[in-house]
Amino acid sequence: MDLKDVLNALRSGWWLVIGAGLAAMAAAGVLSWLATPTYISSTQLFVSTSASTDTSAAYQGNLFSQQRVASYAELLTGVQLAGLVADELGLDMSPAALAGQVTAAVVPDTVILRVTVTDTSPLRAQDIAKSLARHFSERVSELETPAGSEASTVKVAVVEEAADNFTPVSPNVQQNLILGLVIGLLAGLGIALLRTLLDDRIKSAEDVRAITGKGVIGTILEDPMLADTHLVSDLNQESVSAEAFRSIRTNLQFLDVDSPPRVIVVSSALAGEGKSTLAVNLATLLAQSGSRVALIEADLRRPRVTRYMGLISGAGLTNVLAGTVSLHEVAQPWGDGKLSVLAAGPMPPNPSEMLGSAQMRTLLEDLRELNDFVVIDAPPLLAVSDAALLAVMSDGCVMTTRFGATRREQLTEAAATLDRIDAKLLGVVLNRVPQSVAKGHGYGYGYGYEADPGRRPADRAGRRSEGQKKAPRVRGRQASAGPVGAGRSGR
């Protein structure tokens, strides 16, 4: 995982980082509030030897004191002195527990001992420190008095009395809150990175290229209006969605300049990834550019093309393949007649066998001769074998994959399905990319380039006439014969 992956993880999981940080800070605050406050009281003890007027003896005594003072620090934290203090103060705790509340340290290069007592009561901490200093001084005198002598060679003096300190040293609320926030942010970052590593959904063009070996030929941003109408011809022609579909059309035409694909299957790995929307818009935009186009509704199980385009969904492809009607009888012109739509027709008992039949191959060859482009809306590749059968008969397949929904293994299997039958994958369209993600990754056209005020756009080839606007859902009989079955007169 490189820096870019980390930044992407932060961009997509920022709420995890902030949420974990706030939760950890709140937990630290609660624990600090519930914790019992503790206080400290300190005293300093000076260790010296018996006075001497001899400079050399005084120096030797000072060295002796420095050597002894380390041992005295251990004595101060022992259970023997703690027991004496507990008895004197009448404390309800064991000598070992009391000794655990005492720390002693030597001030470097000195003969001074700093004794610190920690307790839940500031006054009790002060009393323990005073009692400890007093009993320690007596104990040292006993230990350092030579046999047969009445005076100790070492003297302990209190140079700083233990004082009461009503400011608790623990818990440090501010420090705990900051520490909790830092730990929470780091934990949230870790969760966000782990979430990214474990997330196997398609979320970038790099994912598509790594899996399929093909580039993304178009990116369609999330557009509520497109999800409702499905046709960019019903939207503002300068919209981001309209420009995205025009870009896909252009990219397909320039995949192979010498021999561009003419019979194109549009499919996806699974249902709900926008294949039918892509098929109808690709076909309409190809027709708007002046090409003769045939659009076949070959998803016999869940046909959507005629519904999206407002056409009749009665007789269609299955009737033609069964030989009960001729092609020109059921072809429905759309727009100015350059685009003809062949509906799915009645649901047959054997869709896969019908679409893989010799009649279907012959139909596609006839449509190739009669049109510049043939666009086939096929079922999902992983659901049934229909799309694979059609892909073999065509010049290639365009797959659409939904951002953040299609999983890597699903796209991998769909691409492998085409590869196993030597069908050509023309490219992949990354569909329904969220606007927020698009801004961060540079997808789509977010800048806009509108016409000057007052300029009225010319009528587009695929746009409905005034008569069509009055009956937007009856488009199929605008011309007596479309290019699907009527031949190519004048060409």
Protein backbone atom coordinates (compact mmCIF):
# COMPACT_ATOMS: atom_id res chain seq x y z
CA MET A 1 0.00 0.00 0.00
CA ASP A 2 1.51 3.30 -1.13
CA LEU A 3 0.79 6.89 -0.09
CA LYS A 4 -1.98 7.21 -2.67
CA ASP A 5 -3.77 4.19 -1.23
CA VAL A 6 -3.46 5.66 2.27
CA LEU A 7 -4.92 8.97 1.10
CA ASN A 8 -7.76 7.16 -0.66
CA ALA A 9 -8.43 5.17 2.51
CA LEU A 10 -8.56 8.43 4.50
CA ARG A 11 -10.83 10.03 1.93
CA SER A 12 -13.31 7.16 1.98
CA GLY A 13 -13.01 6.34 5.69
CA TRP A 14 -12.51 9.76 7.26
CA TRP A 15 -15.64 9.23 9.35
CA LEU A 16 -14.04 6.12 10.87
CA VAL A 17 -10.95 8.08 11.90
CA ILE A 18 -12.90 10.96 13.40
CA GLY A 19 -15.44 8.65 15.01
CA ALA A 20 -12.76 6.48 16.61
CA GLY A 21 -10.91 9.57 17.85
CA LEU A 22 -14.00 11.07 19.46
CA ALA A 23 -15.05 7.73 20.94
CA ALA A 24 -11.59 7.15 22.46
CA MET A 25 -11.51 10.70 23.84
CA ALA A 26 -14.97 10.23 25.36
CA ALA A 27 -13.86 6.92 26.90
CA ALA A 28 -10.78 8.60 28.34
CA GLY A 29 -12.96 11.31 29.83
CA VAL A 30 -15.33 8.80 31.44
CA LEU A 31 -12.47 6.74 32.85
CA SER A 32 -10.84 9.89 34.21
CA TRP A 33 -14.09 10.92 35.86
CA LEU A 34 -14.56 7.48 37.41
CA ALA A 35 -10.94 7.15 38.57
CA THR A 36 -10.11 7.86 42.23
CA PRO A 37 -7.83 10.93 42.46
CA THR A 38 -4.41 10.46 44.04
CA TYR A 39 -2.15 12.99 45.77
CA ILE A 40 1.54 13.15 46.61
CA SER A 41 3.57 14.58 49.46
CA SER A 42 7.37 14.82 49.31
CA THR A 43 10.17 15.38 51.77
CA GLN A 44 13.93 15.71 51.35
CA LEU A 45 16.50 14.17 53.69
CA PHE A 46 20.17 15.18 54.01
CA VAL A 47 22.65 12.46 54.93
CA SER A 48 25.95 13.47 56.51
CA THR A 49 28.75 12.06 58.65
CA SER A 50 29.95 13.33 61.99
CA ALA A 51 31.53 16.77 61.81
CA SER A 52 35.29 16.96 61.42
CA THR A 53 37.68 19.89 61.30
CA ASP A 54 40.13 17.92 59.20
CA THR A 55 39.59 18.70 55.51
CA SER A 56 40.72 15.26 54.43
CA ALA A 57 38.44 13.56 56.93
CA ALA A 58 35.52 15.74 55.84
CA TYR A 59 36.12 14.77 52.22
CA GLN A 60 36.26 11.09 53.13
CA GLY A 61 33.05 11.47 55.11
CA ASN A 62 31.29 13.04 52.16
CA LEU A 63 32.31 10.15 49.90
CA PHE A 64 31.10 7.75 52.55
CA SER A 65 27.71 9.48 52.68
CA GLN A 66 27.32 9.31 48.87
CA GLN A 67 28.08 5.61 48.93
CA ARG A 68 25.66 4.98 51.76
CA VAL A 69 22.78 7.04 50.44
CA ALA A 70 21.90 4.50 47.70
CA SER A 71 21.42 1.84 50.37
CA TYR A 72 19.30 4.22 52.39
CA ALA A 73 16.92 4.62 49.39
CA GLU A 74 16.24 0.90 49.54
CA LEU A 75 15.66 1.11 53.27
CA LEU A 76 13.06 3.83 52.83
CA THR A 77 10.90 1.63 50.57
CA GLY A 78 11.16 -1.48 52.75
CA VAL A 79 8.31 -3.12 54.62
CA GLN A 80 10.03 -2.72 58.00
CA LEU A 81 9.76 1.05 58.04
CA ALA A 82 6.32 0.83 56.45
CA GLY A 83 5.14 -1.37 59.31
CA LEU A 84 6.37 1.12 61.90
CA VAL A 85 4.57 3.96 60.10
CA ALA A 86 1.35 1.97 59.76
CA ASP A 87 1.37 1.16 63.47
CA GLU A 88 2.06 4.74 64.46
CA LEU A 89 -0.68 6.23 62.28
CA GLY A 90 -3.14 3.39 62.80
CA LEU A 91 -3.50 2.78 59.05
CA ASP A 92 -5.76 -0.01 57.87
CA MET A 93 -3.30 -1.40 55.32
CA SER A 94 -0.50 -3.93 55.24
CA PRO A 95 3.16 -2.88 55.42
CA ALA A 96 3.67 -4.18 51.88
CA ALA A 97 0.78 -2.09 50.54
CA LEU A 98 2.10 0.99 52.30
CA ALA A 99 5.63 0.36 51.03
CA GLY A 100 4.21 0.28 47.50
CA GLN A 101 3.07 3.89 47.93
CA VAL A 102 6.59 5.10 48.75
CA THR A 103 9.33 5.98 46.28
CA ALA A 104 12.83 7.17 47.14
CA ALA A 105 15.45 8.58 44.81
CA VAL A 106 18.91 10.04 45.25
CA VAL A 107 19.47 13.51 43.86
CA PRO A 108 22.42 12.94 41.50
CA ASP A 109 25.90 13.81 42.87
CA THR A 110 24.44 14.76 46.25
CA VAL A 111 23.72 13.15 49.61
CA ILE A 112 20.08 14.21 49.44
CA LEU A 113 17.25 11.69 49.36
CA ARG A 114 13.88 12.67 47.92
CA VAL A 115 11.01 10.65 49.39
CA THR A 116 7.58 10.76 47.77
CA VAL A 117 4.39 9.25 49.17
CA THR A 118 1.29 8.68 47.01
CA ASP A 119 -2.14 8.31 48.56
CA THR A 120 -5.81 8.95 47.88
CA SER A 121 -5.85 11.48 50.73
CA PRO A 122 -3.54 14.52 50.63
CA LEU A 123 -3.40 14.77 54.43
CA ARG A 124 -2.67 11.09 54.90
CA ALA A 125 0.10 11.31 52.33
CA GLN A 126 1.64 14.17 54.33
CA ASP A 127 1.39 12.26 57.61
CA ILE A 128 2.99 9.16 56.08
CA ALA A 129 5.87 11.18 54.65
CA LYS A 130 6.56 12.88 58.01
CA SER A 131 6.36 9.64 59.96
CA LEU A 132 8.56 7.86 57.45
CA ALA A 133 11.25 10.56 57.70
CA ARG A 134 11.23 10.38 61.47
CA HIS A 135 11.44 6.56 61.67
CA PHE A 136 14.09 6.49 58.93
CA SER A 137 16.30 8.90 60.85
CA GLU A 138 16.01 6.74 63.97
CA ARG A 139 16.72 3.58 62.03
CA VAL A 140 19.85 5.02 60.42
CA SER A 141 21.12 6.12 63.79
CA GLU A 142 20.71 2.58 65.09
CA LEU A 143 22.46 1.05 62.10
CA GLU A 144 25.33 3.50 61.94
CA THR A 145 26.20 3.54 65.68
CA PRO A 146 29.37 1.47 66.17
CA ALA A 147 29.42 -1.19 68.88
CA GLY A 148 30.43 0.27 72.24
CA SER A 149 29.71 3.81 71.03
CA GLU A 150 26.82 6.04 71.90
CA ALA A 151 26.97 8.33 68.85
CA SER A 152 26.10 7.50 65.26
CA THR A 153 28.63 8.20 62.55
CA VAL A 154 25.82 9.21 60.12
CA LYS A 155 23.23 11.87 60.66
CA VAL A 156 19.96 12.30 58.74
CA ALA A 157 18.34 15.73 58.70
CA VAL A 158 15.08 16.83 57.14
CA VAL A 159 15.85 19.71 54.77
CA GLU A 160 12.34 19.95 53.29
CA GLU A 161 9.29 19.13 55.32
CA ALA A 162 6.42 17.18 53.78
CA ALA A 163 3.59 19.52 52.85
CA ASP A 164 -0.05 18.92 51.99
CA ASN A 165 -0.86 19.11 48.29
CA PHE A 166 -4.54 19.24 47.43
CA THR A 167 -3.94 19.16 43.66
CA PRO A 168 -4.31 15.57 42.45
CA VAL A 169 -1.54 14.16 40.31
CA SER A 170 -3.84 11.52 38.89
CA PRO A 171 -5.93 11.40 36.86
CA ASN A 172 -4.59 14.13 34.56
CA VAL A 173 -7.80 14.79 32.64
CA GLN A 174 -6.31 17.01 29.95
CA GLN A 175 -3.46 14.63 29.29
CA ASN A 176 -5.82 11.64 29.21
CA LEU A 177 -8.15 13.35 26.75
CA ILE A 178 -5.29 14.21 24.40
CA LEU A 179 -3.85 10.72 24.69
CA GLY A 180 -7.26 9.17 24.10
CA LEU A 181 -7.77 11.33 21.01
CA VAL A 182 -4.38 10.39 19.57
CA ILE A 183 -4.89 6.68 20.23
CA GLY A 184 -8.40 6.86 18.78
CA LEU A 185 -7.23 8.63 15.62
CA LEU A 186 -4.48 6.07 15.10
CA ALA A 187 -6.93 3.23 15.70
CA GLY A 188 -9.40 4.81 13.29
CA LEU A 189 -6.69 5.17 10.68
CA GLY A 190 -5.79 1.52 11.13
CA ILE A 191 -9.43 0.51 10.76
CA ALA A 192 -9.79 2.65 7.63
CA LEU A 193 -6.68 1.10 6.08
CA LEU A 194 -7.81 -2.40 7.01
CA ARG A 195 -11.23 -1.64 5.56
CA THR A 196 -9.62 -0.57 2.31
CA LEU A 197 -7.40 -3.64 2.19
CA LEU A 198 -10.33 -5.98 2.83
CA ASP A 199 -12.72 -4.13 0.52
CA ASP A 200 -12.84 -6.07 -2.76
CA ARG A 201 -15.31 -3.79 -4.55
CA ILE A 202 -14.38 -2.01 -7.78
CA LYS A 203 -13.60 1.62 -6.97
CA SER A 204 -11.13 2.86 -9.54
CA ALA A 205 -9.95 2.58 -13.12
CA GLU A 206 -6.80 0.94 -11.78
CA ASP A 207 -8.91 -1.88 -10.33
CA VAL A 208 -10.57 -2.45 -13.69
CA ARG A 209 -7.29 -2.41 -15.60
CA ALA A 210 -5.59 -4.78 -13.18
CA ILE A 211 -8.44 -7.31 -13.45
CA THR A 212 -9.43 -7.15 -17.11
CA GLY A 213 -6.31 -5.84 -18.79
CA LYS A 214 -8.52 -3.25 -20.49
CA GLY A 215 -8.86 0.42 -19.78
CA VAL A 216 -11.98 2.27 -18.69
CA ILE A 217 -13.54 3.75 -21.82
CA GLY A 218 -15.93 5.92 -19.88
CA THR A 219 -17.01 7.05 -16.43
CA ILE A 220 -20.62 7.88 -15.62
CA LEU A 221 -21.25 9.87 -12.47
CA GLU A 222 -24.16 9.33 -10.11
CA ASP A 223 -27.09 11.29 -11.55
CA PRO A 224 -30.57 11.01 -9.97
CA MET A 225 -32.18 12.47 -13.11
CA LEU A 226 -30.53 9.87 -15.32
CA ALA A 227 -31.62 7.10 -12.95
CA ASP A 228 -35.20 8.33 -13.41
CA THR A 229 -35.29 9.01 -17.17
CA HIS A 230 -32.48 6.65 -18.35
CA LEU A 231 -32.08 8.70 -21.53
CA VAL A 232 -29.61 11.58 -21.86
CA SER A 233 -31.75 12.91 -24.72
CA ASP A 234 -34.30 13.82 -22.04
CA LEU A 235 -31.67 15.74 -20.08
CA ASN A 236 -29.73 18.93 -20.64
CA GLN A 237 -27.38 18.12 -23.51
CA GLU A 238 -24.60 20.05 -21.78
CA SER A 239 -24.94 17.94 -18.63
CA VAL A 240 -22.11 15.85 -17.23
CA SER A 241 -24.03 12.63 -17.96
CA ALA A 242 -24.62 13.54 -21.61
CA GLU A 243 -20.96 14.39 -22.09
CA ALA A 244 -19.94 11.14 -20.42
CA PHE A 245 -21.98 9.05 -22.86
CA ARG A 246 -20.66 11.06 -25.83
CA SER A 247 -17.15 10.33 -24.59
CA ILE A 248 -17.94 6.60 -24.49
CA ARG A 249 -19.29 6.80 -28.05
CA THR A 250 -16.13 8.52 -29.25
CA ASN A 251 -13.82 6.12 -27.45
CA LEU A 252 -15.56 3.13 -29.00
CA GLN A 253 -15.27 4.59 -32.48
CA PHE A 254 -11.54 5.12 -32.01
CA LEU A 255 -10.66 1.79 -30.39
CA ASP A 256 -9.59 0.58 -33.81
CA VAL A 257 -9.54 3.36 -36.40
CA ASP A 258 -9.05 1.00 -39.35
CA SER A 259 -11.72 -1.49 -38.26
CA PRO A 260 -13.95 -0.06 -35.52
CA PRO A 261 -16.41 -2.42 -33.84
CA ARG A 262 -19.82 -2.32 -35.48
CA VAL A 263 -21.74 -5.09 -33.72
CA ILE A 264 -21.41 -4.35 -30.01
CA VAL A 265 -22.76 -6.35 -27.11
CA VAL A 266 -23.43 -4.38 -23.92
CA SER A 267 -23.43 -6.47 -20.75
CA SER A 268 -22.30 -6.54 -17.12
CA ALA A 269 -21.20 -9.04 -14.53
CA LEU A 270 -24.49 -8.92 -12.59
CA ALA A 271 -27.88 -7.26 -12.86
CA GLY A 272 -28.39 -3.70 -11.70
CA GLU A 273 -25.11 -2.30 -13.02
CA GLY A 274 -26.62 -0.04 -15.71
CA LYS A 275 -26.09 -2.07 -18.89
CA SER A 276 -29.50 -1.25 -20.43
CA THR A 277 -29.07 2.46 -19.73
CA LEU A 278 -25.67 2.32 -21.39
CA ALA A 279 -27.04 0.43 -24.39
CA VAL A 280 -29.94 2.80 -25.12
CA ASN A 281 -27.80 5.93 -24.72
CA LEU A 282 -24.94 4.56 -26.78
CA ALA A 283 -27.38 3.68 -29.57
CA THR A 284 -29.18 7.04 -29.49
CA LEU A 285 -25.93 9.02 -29.48
CA LEU A 286 -24.52 6.99 -32.37
CA ALA A 287 -27.72 7.77 -34.29
CA GLN A 288 -27.49 11.46 -33.38
CA SER A 289 -24.02 11.53 -34.93
CA GLY A 290 -25.56 10.53 -38.27
CA SER A 291 -25.01 6.78 -38.23
CA ARG A 292 -27.67 4.19 -38.94
CA VAL A 293 -28.07 2.14 -35.79
CA ALA A 294 -30.01 -0.96 -34.80
CA LEU A 295 -30.66 -1.51 -31.10
CA ILE A 296 -31.62 -5.08 -30.12
CA GLU A 297 -33.32 -5.84 -26.82
CA ALA A 298 -31.67 -9.24 -26.33
CA ASP A 299 -32.25 -9.53 -22.59
CA LEU A 300 -35.23 -11.82 -23.03
CA ARG A 301 -35.69 -12.45 -19.31
CA ARG A 302 -35.70 -8.86 -18.04
CA PRO A 303 -36.13 -6.51 -21.04
CA ARG A 304 -35.69 -2.84 -20.22
CA VAL A 305 -34.92 -1.10 -23.53
CA THR A 306 -38.49 -0.58 -24.73
CA ARG A 307 -39.56 0.56 -21.25
CA TYR A 308 -36.77 3.15 -21.08
CA MET A 309 -37.44 4.41 -24.62
CA GLY A 310 -41.22 4.40 -24.39
CA LEU A 311 -41.69 1.86 -27.20
CA ILE A 312 -44.06 -1.05 -27.73
CA SER A 313 -42.92 -4.26 -26.06
CA GLY A 314 -45.11 -6.75 -27.96
CA ALA A 315 -43.69 -8.69 -30.89
CA GLY A 316 -39.97 -8.54 -31.44
CA LEU A 317 -36.75 -10.54 -31.54
CA THR A 318 -38.16 -13.90 -30.48
CA ASN A 319 -40.87 -13.66 -33.15
CA VAL A 320 -38.28 -12.92 -35.83
CA LEU A 321 -36.07 -15.81 -34.73
CA ALA A 322 -39.09 -18.13 -34.66
CA GLY A 323 -39.97 -17.07 -38.21
CA THR A 324 -43.49 -15.88 -37.38
CA VAL A 325 -42.86 -12.26 -38.47
CA SER A 326 -40.40 -10.49 -40.68
CA LEU A 327 -37.86 -8.03 -39.37
CA HIS A 328 -39.34 -4.92 -40.93
CA GLU A 329 -42.75 -5.67 -39.39
CA VAL A 330 -41.54 -5.37 -35.80
CA ALA A 331 -38.67 -2.89 -36.11
CA GLN A 332 -39.61 0.36 -34.36
CA PRO A 333 -38.00 3.59 -35.61
CA TRP A 334 -36.91 6.11 -33.00
CA GLY A 335 -36.16 9.78 -33.40
CA ASP A 336 -35.66 10.77 -37.03
CA GLY A 337 -35.53 7.14 -38.16
CA LYS A 338 -31.77 6.58 -38.09
CA LEU A 339 -32.21 4.44 -35.00
CA SER A 340 -34.40 1.35 -35.11
CA VAL A 341 -35.23 -0.74 -32.07
CA LEU A 342 -36.02 -4.44 -32.08
CA ALA A 343 -37.92 -5.33 -28.93
CA ALA A 344 -37.38 -8.60 -27.07
CA GLY A 345 -40.74 -10.10 -27.91
CA PRO A 346 -42.52 -12.80 -25.90
CA MET A 347 -40.50 -14.76 -23.35
CA PRO A 348 -39.43 -18.07 -24.92
CA PRO A 349 -38.93 -21.30 -22.97
CA ASN A 350 -35.33 -21.55 -24.19
CA PRO A 351 -33.74 -18.08 -24.33
CA SER A 352 -30.12 -19.28 -24.46
CA GLU A 353 -30.75 -21.74 -27.28
CA MET A 354 -32.66 -19.14 -29.27
CA LEU A 355 -29.98 -16.46 -28.90
CA GLY A 356 -27.24 -18.93 -29.79
CA SER A 357 -29.03 -20.25 -32.83
CA ALA A 358 -28.04 -20.00 -36.47
CA GLN A 359 -31.06 -17.72 -37.03
CA MET A 360 -29.59 -15.21 -34.56
CA ARG A 361 -26.24 -15.28 -36.33
CA THR A 362 -27.95 -14.70 -39.67
CA LEU A 363 -30.00 -11.85 -38.21
CA LEU A 364 -26.88 -10.11 -36.92
CA GLU A 365 -25.19 -10.47 -40.30
CA ASP A 366 -28.20 -8.93 -42.00
CA LEU A 367 -28.27 -6.07 -39.52
CA ARG A 368 -24.55 -5.50 -40.03
CA GLU A 369 -25.18 -5.04 -43.74
CA LEU A 370 -28.12 -2.71 -43.21
CA ASN A 371 -26.66 -0.49 -40.47
CA ASP A 372 -23.49 1.26 -39.45
CA PHE A 373 -23.75 -0.02 -35.89
CA VAL A 374 -25.68 -2.76 -34.11
CA VAL A 375 -25.98 -2.39 -30.33
CA ILE A 376 -27.18 -5.43 -28.37
CA ASP A 377 -28.48 -5.14 -24.84
CA ALA A 378 -27.56 -8.56 -23.42
CA PRO A 379 -28.21 -10.21 -20.03
CA PRO A 380 -25.49 -10.21 -17.33
CA LEU A 381 -22.54 -12.48 -18.06
CA LEU A 382 -22.53 -14.31 -14.74
CA ALA A 383 -26.28 -14.88 -14.54
CA VAL A 384 -26.83 -16.77 -17.80
CA SER A 385 -24.85 -17.75 -20.89
CA ASP A 386 -26.84 -15.51 -23.28
CA ALA A 387 -24.37 -12.63 -23.29
CA ALA A 388 -21.41 -14.94 -23.93
CA LEU A 389 -23.20 -16.52 -26.92
CA LEU A 390 -23.95 -13.09 -28.37
CA ALA A 391 -20.41 -11.84 -27.73
CA VAL A 392 -19.00 -14.62 -29.93
CA MET A 393 -21.19 -13.47 -32.82
CA SER A 394 -20.31 -9.78 -32.40
CA ASP A 395 -17.21 -7.62 -32.77
CA GLY A 396 -16.82 -7.35 -29.02
CA CYS A 397 -18.42 -6.69 -25.69
CA VAL A 398 -18.60 -3.54 -23.59
CA MET A 399 -19.02 -4.26 -19.89
CA THR A 400 -20.41 -1.83 -17.37
CA THR A 401 -19.46 -2.18 -13.74
CA ARG A 402 -21.02 -0.30 -10.87
CA PHE A 403 -18.68 1.67 -8.64
CA GLY A 404 -18.59 0.37 -5.08
CA ALA A 405 -20.99 -2.52 -5.82
CA THR A 406 -19.32 -4.92 -8.25
CA ARG A 407 -16.74 -7.09 -6.53
CA ARG A 408 -13.35 -7.91 -7.96
CA GLU A 409 -14.01 -11.64 -8.20
CA GLN A 410 -17.26 -10.94 -10.08
CA LEU A 411 -15.54 -8.72 -12.64
CA THR A 412 -12.69 -11.24 -12.87
CA GLU A 413 -15.10 -14.10 -13.61
CA ALA A 414 -17.04 -12.04 -16.15
CA ALA A 415 -13.84 -11.15 -18.03
CA ALA A 416 -12.70 -14.78 -17.82
CA THR A 417 -16.02 -15.90 -19.31
CA LEU A 418 -15.36 -13.80 -22.40
CA ASP A 419 -11.74 -14.93 -22.56
CA ARG A 420 -12.64 -18.63 -22.44
CA ILE A 421 -14.77 -18.34 -25.58
CA ASP A 422 -12.33 -15.99 -27.37
CA ALA A 423 -14.81 -13.12 -27.27
CA LYS A 424 -13.28 -9.66 -27.35
CA LEU A 425 -13.69 -7.31 -24.41
CA LEU A 426 -13.71 -3.84 -25.94
CA GLY A 427 -13.58 -1.95 -22.67
CA VAL A 428 -15.27 -1.29 -19.36
CA VAL A 429 -17.53 1.57 -18.30
CA LEU A 430 -17.30 2.59 -14.65
CA ASN A 431 -20.87 3.45 -13.73
CA ARG A 432 -22.57 5.45 -10.97
CA VAL A 433 -19.44 7.00 -9.51
CA PRO A 434 -20.43 9.26 -6.56
CA GLN A 435 -19.94 12.96 -7.13
CA SER A 436 -17.79 13.26 -4.00
CA VAL A 437 -15.45 10.51 -5.20
CA ALA A 438 -15.33 11.95 -8.70
CA LYS A 439 -14.02 15.28 -7.42
CA GLY A 440 -11.20 13.57 -5.55
CA HIS A 441 -10.19 11.30 -8.42
CA GLY A 442 -10.77 13.61 -11.36
CA TYR A 443 -13.56 11.52 -12.92
CA GLY A 444 -15.96 13.11 -15.33
CA TYR A 445 -16.27 16.71 -16.41
CA GLY A 446 -16.86 18.88 -13.40
CA TYR A 447 -16.02 22.22 -14.96
CA GLY A 448 -18.87 22.81 -17.40
CA TYR A 449 -18.83 24.68 -20.72
CA GLU A 450 -22.21 26.23 -21.41
CA ALA A 451 -23.34 28.16 -24.47
CA ASP A 452 -23.49 31.94 -24.52
CA PRO A 453 -26.71 33.43 -23.13
CA GLY A 454 -29.33 33.81 -25.84
CA ARG A 455 -27.92 31.12 -28.10
CA ARG A 456 -30.48 28.41 -28.83
CA PRO A 457 -29.07 24.95 -29.51
CA ALA A 458 -29.99 23.39 -32.82
CA ASP A 459 -32.28 20.37 -32.84
CA ARG A 460 -30.35 17.17 -32.34
CA ALA A 461 -30.88 14.16 -34.57
CA GLY A 462 -32.29 11.99 -31.82
CA ARG A 463 -34.40 14.62 -30.05
CA ARG A 464 -38.16 14.28 -30.17
CA SER A 465 -40.28 16.53 -32.35
CA GLU A 466 -43.21 18.55 -31.05
CA GLY A 467 -45.57 15.74 -32.00
CA GLN A 468 -43.49 13.32 -30.01
CA LYS A 469 -43.57 15.54 -26.93
CA LYS A 470 -47.32 15.25 -26.84
CA ALA A 471 -47.02 11.46 -26.71
CA PRO A 472 -43.57 10.79 -25.22
CA ARG A 473 -44.20 7.09 -24.77
CA VAL A 474 -45.25 6.28 -28.39
CA ARG A 475 -42.10 6.65 -30.46
CA GLY A 476 -42.04 3.39 -32.36
CA ARG A 477 -44.17 4.35 -35.39
CA GLN A 478 -42.68 7.67 -36.43
CA ALA A 479 -41.41 6.26 -39.71
CA SER A 480 -42.99 3.66 -41.90
CA ALA A 481 -39.79 1.68 -42.24
CA GLY A 482 -36.55 2.05 -40.35
CA PRO A 483 -33.05 1.04 -41.35
CA VAL A 484 -33.28 -2.29 -39.50
CA GLY A 485 -35.30 -4.07 -42.15
CA ALA A 486 -35.97 -1.65 -44.95
CA GLY A 487 -32.60 -1.69 -46.65
CA ARG A 488 -30.18 1.17 -47.08
CA SER A 489 -31.67 3.31 -49.82
CA GLY A 490 -29.59 6.21 -50.89
CA ARG A 491 -26.39 4.72 -49.48
